[in-house]
Amino acid sequence: MHPLPNLRPDPDVPRPAWSFDDIYRRHARTVARWADRLGGARVDADEVVQEVFLTVNRRGGEFRGDAKLTTWLFRITRRVVANQRRAARRRAIWARLTSRVAEVVAGGGPAPGDALESREATDRLQRVLDSLSERYRSVLVLFELEEMSTDEIARFMDRPPATIRVWLHRARAQFSARWRAADEEESS
């Protein structure tokens, strides 16, 4: 229950002794409502609330008081929702790519046309992954396919989590660009 400093911009006005618990009690429902409305069905509002208040707890000392507390909370909520929506889109893409492989393995006997399409998609996925550098491919596979967190990957690869996040960002960008290029190549 550490007080959050500088909650009011005017230094002559006495500050209330806000604590994390006070802020959570007063604003958790509002943050959940924002998460529901901003995120839609793709986002779990409870996860958003948890992430928002973890950020508030971690970065509370950085709140300058230039804006209202609710404005600051909304900005955090908006960023967390956007991150979760992006993650949901990525998971959907990876699920589509990998589900074909799983269907072929589990099915035991797909139609010849389906088997060919699935094999081509699997080959393309493997070609694009193989075109990435070893570290980018490893980070992408561990995060997207093995569903490991960046902290877990950092421990696996003996690197700082921030480095893993940078590598993951770059790996996704390279993968997307190369996937589009392969798509265009196959279309022509």
Protein backbone atom coordinates (compact mmCIF):
# COMPACT_ATOMS: atom_id res chain seq x y z
CA MET A 1 0.00 0.00 0.00
CA HIS A 2 2.49 2.54 -1.13
CA PRO A 3 1.14 6.02 -1.81
CA LEU A 4 1.33 7.25 -5.37
CA PRO A 5 3.18 10.55 -5.44
CA ASN A 6 2.19 13.66 -7.31
CA LEU A 7 -1.45 12.82 -8.00
CA ARG A 8 -2.32 16.52 -8.32
CA PRO A 9 -0.48 18.96 -10.55
CA ASP A 10 -0.76 21.92 -8.16
CA PRO A 11 1.93 21.63 -5.45
CA ASP A 12 0.07 24.11 -3.18
CA VAL A 13 -2.96 21.85 -2.94
CA PRO A 14 -2.48 19.11 -0.36
CA ARG A 15 -2.43 15.63 -1.84
CA PRO A 16 -4.66 12.90 -0.52
CA ALA A 17 -2.83 9.82 0.69
CA TRP A 18 -3.81 7.61 -2.24
CA SER A 19 -2.75 4.02 -2.07
CA PHE A 20 -2.80 1.30 -4.67
CA ASP A 21 -5.74 -0.31 -2.84
CA ASP A 22 -7.72 2.95 -2.97
CA ILE A 23 -7.12 3.32 -6.68
CA TYR A 24 -8.03 -0.30 -7.37
CA ARG A 25 -11.22 -0.11 -5.30
CA ARG A 26 -12.34 3.12 -6.94
CA HIS A 27 -11.44 2.33 -10.55
CA ALA A 28 -11.36 -1.44 -11.18
CA ARG A 29 -14.99 -1.56 -12.41
CA THR A 30 -14.40 1.37 -14.71
CA VAL A 31 -11.26 -0.23 -16.16
CA ALA A 32 -13.19 -3.50 -16.68
CA ARG A 33 -15.96 -1.60 -18.51
CA TRP A 34 -13.42 0.14 -20.75
CA ALA A 35 -11.73 -3.21 -21.44
CA ASP A 36 -15.06 -4.79 -22.43
CA ARG A 37 -15.98 -1.93 -24.71
CA LEU A 38 -12.55 -1.41 -26.27
CA GLY A 39 -11.61 -5.06 -26.57
CA GLY A 40 -14.78 -6.78 -27.61
CA ALA A 41 -14.95 -10.55 -27.69
CA ARG A 42 -11.23 -11.00 -28.44
CA VAL A 43 -10.12 -9.64 -25.07
CA ASP A 44 -10.58 -11.02 -21.58
CA ALA A 45 -11.58 -8.01 -19.47
CA ASP A 46 -10.34 -9.63 -16.25
CA GLU A 47 -6.87 -10.09 -17.76
CA VAL A 48 -6.89 -6.48 -18.90
CA VAL A 49 -7.81 -5.25 -15.42
CA GLN A 50 -5.05 -7.34 -13.91
CA GLU A 51 -2.47 -6.07 -16.42
CA VAL A 52 -3.58 -2.45 -16.00
CA PHE A 53 -3.23 -2.55 -12.24
CA LEU A 54 0.09 -4.38 -12.44
CA THR A 55 1.26 -1.46 -14.58
CA VAL A 56 -0.20 1.05 -12.11
CA ASN A 57 1.58 -0.68 -9.25
CA ARG A 58 4.86 -0.83 -11.16
CA ARG A 59 4.74 2.67 -12.63
CA GLY A 60 2.68 4.61 -10.10
CA GLY A 61 5.61 6.80 -9.19
CA GLU A 62 5.78 8.02 -12.79
CA PHE A 63 2.29 9.54 -12.71
CA ARG A 64 3.00 13.27 -12.93
CA GLY A 65 -0.49 14.53 -12.26
CA ASP A 66 -0.65 16.54 -15.49
CA ALA A 67 -3.94 14.80 -16.24
CA LYS A 68 -6.66 13.24 -14.15
CA LEU A 69 -5.97 9.82 -12.71
CA THR A 70 -8.78 8.36 -14.83
CA THR A 71 -7.15 9.74 -17.98
CA TRP A 72 -3.91 7.99 -17.07
CA LEU A 73 -5.79 4.75 -16.31
CA PHE A 74 -7.63 4.97 -19.64
CA ARG A 75 -4.37 5.37 -21.55
CA ILE A 76 -2.92 2.33 -19.84
CA THR A 77 -6.12 0.37 -20.49
CA ARG A 78 -6.14 1.35 -24.16
CA ARG A 79 -2.53 0.16 -24.59
CA VAL A 80 -3.15 -3.13 -22.80
CA VAL A 81 -6.29 -3.80 -24.86
CA ALA A 82 -4.45 -3.00 -28.10
CA ASN A 83 -1.66 -5.40 -27.14
CA GLN A 84 -4.13 -8.16 -26.33
CA ARG A 85 -6.04 -7.63 -29.58
CA ARG A 86 -2.78 -7.85 -31.56
CA ALA A 87 -1.85 -11.01 -29.67
CA ALA A 88 -5.28 -12.52 -30.43
CA ARG A 89 -4.85 -11.80 -34.15
CA ARG A 90 -1.39 -13.38 -34.13
CA ARG A 91 -2.68 -16.45 -32.31
CA ALA A 92 -5.48 -16.81 -34.87
CA ILE A 93 -3.00 -16.67 -37.75
CA TRP A 94 -0.69 -19.20 -36.12
CA ALA A 95 -3.64 -21.43 -35.25
CA ARG A 96 -4.75 -21.46 -38.90
CA LEU A 97 -1.23 -22.23 -40.08
CA THR A 98 -0.58 -25.00 -37.61
CA SER A 99 -4.08 -26.53 -37.55
CA ARG A 100 -3.61 -27.82 -41.06
CA VAL A 101 -0.53 -29.71 -39.96
CA ALA A 102 -2.35 -31.13 -36.92
CA GLU A 103 -5.34 -32.19 -39.02
CA VAL A 104 -3.17 -34.13 -41.43
CA VAL A 105 -1.28 -35.86 -38.64
CA ALA A 106 -4.39 -36.67 -36.58
CA GLY A 107 -6.78 -37.37 -39.45
CA GLY A 108 -4.93 -40.26 -40.99
CA GLY A 109 -6.63 -39.94 -44.34
CA PRO A 110 -7.59 -36.59 -45.79
CA ALA A 111 -8.81 -36.21 -49.32
CA PRO A 112 -5.95 -35.97 -51.85
CA GLY A 113 -6.66 -32.29 -52.59
CA ASP A 114 -6.76 -31.40 -48.90
CA ALA A 115 -3.55 -33.32 -48.25
CA LEU A 116 -1.79 -31.47 -51.06
CA GLU A 117 -3.01 -28.08 -49.84
CA SER A 118 -2.00 -28.87 -46.29
CA ARG A 119 1.42 -30.12 -47.36
CA GLU A 120 1.96 -26.96 -49.43
CA ALA A 121 0.98 -24.73 -46.50
CA THR A 122 3.27 -26.68 -44.18
CA ASP A 123 6.14 -26.47 -46.66
CA ARG A 124 5.61 -22.73 -47.08
CA LEU A 125 5.52 -22.20 -43.32
CA GLN A 126 8.74 -24.18 -42.95
CA ARG A 127 10.45 -22.30 -45.81
CA VAL A 128 9.56 -18.93 -44.30
CA LEU A 129 10.71 -20.03 -40.84
CA ASP A 130 13.92 -21.42 -42.31
CA SER A 131 14.64 -18.10 -43.98
CA LEU A 132 14.84 -16.39 -40.58
CA SER A 133 18.04 -16.21 -38.58
CA GLU A 134 18.47 -18.87 -35.93
CA ARG A 135 17.68 -16.56 -33.02
CA TYR A 136 14.61 -15.03 -34.68
CA ARG A 137 13.28 -18.45 -35.70
CA SER A 138 13.87 -19.82 -32.19
CA VAL A 139 12.15 -16.90 -30.48
CA LEU A 140 9.19 -17.03 -32.88
CA VAL A 141 8.71 -20.78 -32.51
CA LEU A 142 9.00 -20.68 -28.72
CA PHE A 143 6.59 -17.76 -28.37
CA GLU A 144 4.01 -18.50 -31.07
CA LEU A 145 4.01 -22.28 -31.31
CA GLU A 146 5.19 -23.34 -27.87
CA GLU A 147 3.25 -20.46 -26.25
CA MET A 148 6.06 -19.55 -23.87
CA SER A 149 6.24 -16.09 -22.29
CA THR A 150 9.09 -13.74 -23.11
CA ASP A 151 10.42 -14.24 -19.57
CA GLU A 152 10.52 -18.01 -20.07
CA ILE A 153 12.24 -17.62 -23.42
CA ALA A 154 14.76 -15.24 -21.85
CA ARG A 155 15.64 -17.91 -19.29
CA PHE A 156 15.88 -20.56 -22.03
CA MET A 157 18.13 -18.43 -24.21
CA ASP A 158 20.05 -16.78 -21.36
CA ARG A 159 19.20 -13.28 -22.55
CA PRO A 160 17.41 -10.32 -20.93
CA PRO A 161 13.61 -10.27 -21.49
CA ALA A 162 13.90 -6.89 -23.24
CA THR A 163 16.24 -8.44 -25.82
CA ILE A 164 13.78 -11.27 -26.39
CA ARG A 165 10.95 -8.78 -26.94
CA VAL A 166 13.04 -6.90 -29.52
CA TRP A 167 13.97 -10.13 -31.29
CA LEU A 168 10.34 -11.24 -31.26
CA HIS A 169 9.19 -7.95 -32.76
CA ARG A 170 11.81 -8.19 -35.51
CA ALA A 171 11.09 -11.87 -36.12
CA ARG A 172 7.38 -11.17 -36.58
CA ALA A 173 8.09 -8.32 -38.99
CA GLN A 174 10.47 -10.47 -41.05
CA PHE A 175 8.12 -13.44 -40.99
CA SER A 176 5.17 -11.32 -42.15
CA ALA A 177 7.15 -9.70 -44.95
CA ARG A 178 8.50 -13.03 -46.16
CA TRP A 179 5.10 -14.70 -45.88
CA ARG A 180 3.55 -11.96 -48.05
CA ALA A 181 6.41 -12.29 -50.55
CA ALA A 182 5.88 -16.07 -50.74
CA ASP A 183 2.14 -15.47 -51.17
CA GLU A 184 2.76 -13.04 -54.03
CA GLU A 185 5.26 -15.43 -55.60
CA GLU A 186 2.77 -18.31 -55.51
CA SER A 187 0.02 -16.08 -56.94
CA SER A 188 2.05 -15.14 -60.00
